[in-house]
Amino acid sequence: MQNVFVHHVFFWLKEPANELSQQQLVEGLRKLSAVATIQSFHIGKPAATNRNVIDTTYSISWLLTFNTAADQDSYQVDPIHLNFVKECAHLWDKVLVYDTVAL
């Protein structure tokens, strides 16, 4: 896993308690997982953990792995990704991304 590129996205929904909004975002992410360069993905919600260093204010997280940074770059402009943003952007207030590469 030396060259793996990890892309972790956190979404804060406009209506975090709205189950329909959560379902729509999760369905959108599942469709988004069809992008060919994605090696693996995980859709999650905040775990029931409570320590000073843990942020549980987000609604949904989207963790992706790619073989290379170039694969992640192509994901950003893939029509499936662009369509996801078009269809789901109205659901969130904030998005935060953490991209990492191996040391």
Protein backbone atom coordinates (compact mmCIF):
# COMPACT_ATOMS: atom_id res chain seq x y z
CA MET A 1 0.00 0.00 0.00
CA GLN A 2 3.00 2.25 -0.46
CA ASN A 3 1.56 4.54 -3.15
CA VAL A 4 -2.05 4.57 -1.96
CA PHE A 5 -3.78 7.95 -2.06
CA VAL A 6 -6.44 8.35 0.64
CA HIS A 7 -9.26 10.86 0.14
CA HIS A 8 -11.50 11.40 3.20
CA VAL A 9 -14.49 13.70 2.85
CA PHE A 10 -16.68 14.92 5.71
CA PHE A 11 -20.17 16.32 5.04
CA TRP A 12 -22.19 18.55 7.35
CA LEU A 13 -25.81 18.36 6.22
CA LYS A 14 -28.03 21.45 6.22
CA GLU A 15 -30.61 19.36 8.08
CA PRO A 16 -28.57 16.78 10.04
CA ALA A 17 -31.62 15.27 11.75
CA ASN A 18 -33.47 14.82 8.45
CA GLU A 19 -33.28 11.10 7.63
CA LEU A 20 -34.35 11.71 4.03
CA SER A 21 -31.39 14.08 3.51
CA GLN A 22 -29.05 11.48 4.98
CA GLN A 23 -30.50 8.76 2.74
CA GLN A 24 -30.21 10.96 -0.36
CA LEU A 25 -26.56 11.69 0.36
CA VAL A 26 -25.75 8.03 1.03
CA GLU A 27 -27.54 6.98 -2.18
CA GLY A 28 -25.56 9.62 -4.08
CA LEU A 29 -22.31 8.33 -2.60
CA ARG A 30 -23.18 4.76 -3.54
CA LYS A 31 -23.73 5.87 -7.14
CA LEU A 32 -20.45 7.80 -6.95
CA SER A 33 -18.61 4.61 -5.97
CA ALA A 34 -18.94 3.51 -9.63
CA VAL A 35 -16.03 5.78 -10.62
CA ALA A 36 -13.49 3.37 -12.13
CA THR A 37 -10.39 4.73 -10.37
CA ILE A 38 -11.79 4.14 -6.85
CA GLN A 39 -10.06 1.13 -5.29
CA SER A 40 -12.15 1.01 -2.12
CA PHE A 41 -14.66 3.16 -0.29
CA HIS A 42 -16.41 3.44 3.06
CA ILE A 43 -19.51 5.48 3.92
CA GLY A 44 -19.80 6.22 7.61
CA LYS A 45 -21.35 8.29 10.36
CA PRO A 46 -19.80 9.49 13.61
CA ALA A 47 -19.05 6.65 15.99
CA ALA A 48 -20.36 6.76 19.54
CA THR A 49 -16.98 7.70 20.97
CA ASN A 50 -16.28 10.62 23.23
CA ARG A 51 -12.77 12.01 23.72
CA ASN A 52 -11.43 15.56 23.45
CA VAL A 53 -9.71 14.86 20.14
CA ILE A 54 -12.77 13.43 18.35
CA ASP A 55 -14.99 15.56 16.12
CA THR A 56 -18.49 14.12 15.85
CA THR A 57 -20.15 17.23 14.44
CA TYR A 58 -20.22 15.99 10.83
CA SER A 59 -23.14 14.00 9.40
CA ILE A 60 -21.60 11.55 6.90
CA SER A 61 -18.04 10.64 5.92
CA TRP A 62 -16.79 9.26 2.60
CA LEU A 63 -13.42 7.50 2.68
CA LEU A 64 -11.80 6.54 -0.62
CA THR A 65 -8.57 4.92 -1.66
CA PHE A 66 -6.90 5.33 -5.04
CA ASN A 67 -3.79 3.68 -6.43
CA THR A 68 -2.23 7.04 -7.30
CA ALA A 69 -2.75 10.77 -6.94
CA ALA A 70 -3.41 10.85 -10.69
CA ASP A 71 -6.30 8.43 -10.20
CA GLN A 72 -7.76 10.78 -7.60
CA ASP A 73 -7.29 13.72 -9.96
CA SER A 74 -9.27 11.91 -12.67
CA TYR A 75 -12.00 11.09 -10.11
CA GLN A 76 -12.43 14.84 -9.48
CA VAL A 77 -13.39 15.48 -13.11
CA ASP A 78 -15.17 12.19 -13.78
CA PRO A 79 -18.74 12.79 -15.04
CA ILE A 80 -20.11 10.57 -12.24
CA HIS A 81 -18.43 12.81 -9.64
CA LEU A 82 -19.57 15.99 -11.34
CA ASN A 83 -23.13 14.65 -11.46
CA PHE A 84 -22.98 13.73 -7.76
CA VAL A 85 -22.05 17.31 -6.86
CA LYS A 86 -24.81 18.66 -9.10
CA GLU A 87 -27.45 16.34 -7.57
CA CYS A 88 -26.41 16.44 -3.92
CA ALA A 89 -24.73 19.80 -3.18
CA HIS A 90 -28.04 21.24 -2.00
CA LEU A 91 -27.95 18.80 0.93
CA TRP A 92 -24.82 20.06 2.69
CA ASP A 93 -23.69 23.22 4.45
CA LYS A 94 -20.03 22.32 4.67
CA VAL A 95 -17.58 19.82 3.21
CA LEU A 96 -14.08 19.19 4.55
CA VAL A 97 -11.51 16.99 2.82
CA TYR A 98 -8.35 15.34 4.11
CA ASP A 99 -6.07 13.86 1.43
CA THR A 100 -3.12 11.77 2.54
CA VAL A 101 -0.26 9.84 0.95
CA ALA A 102 2.06 7.29 2.50
CA LEU A 103 5.30 8.39 4.11
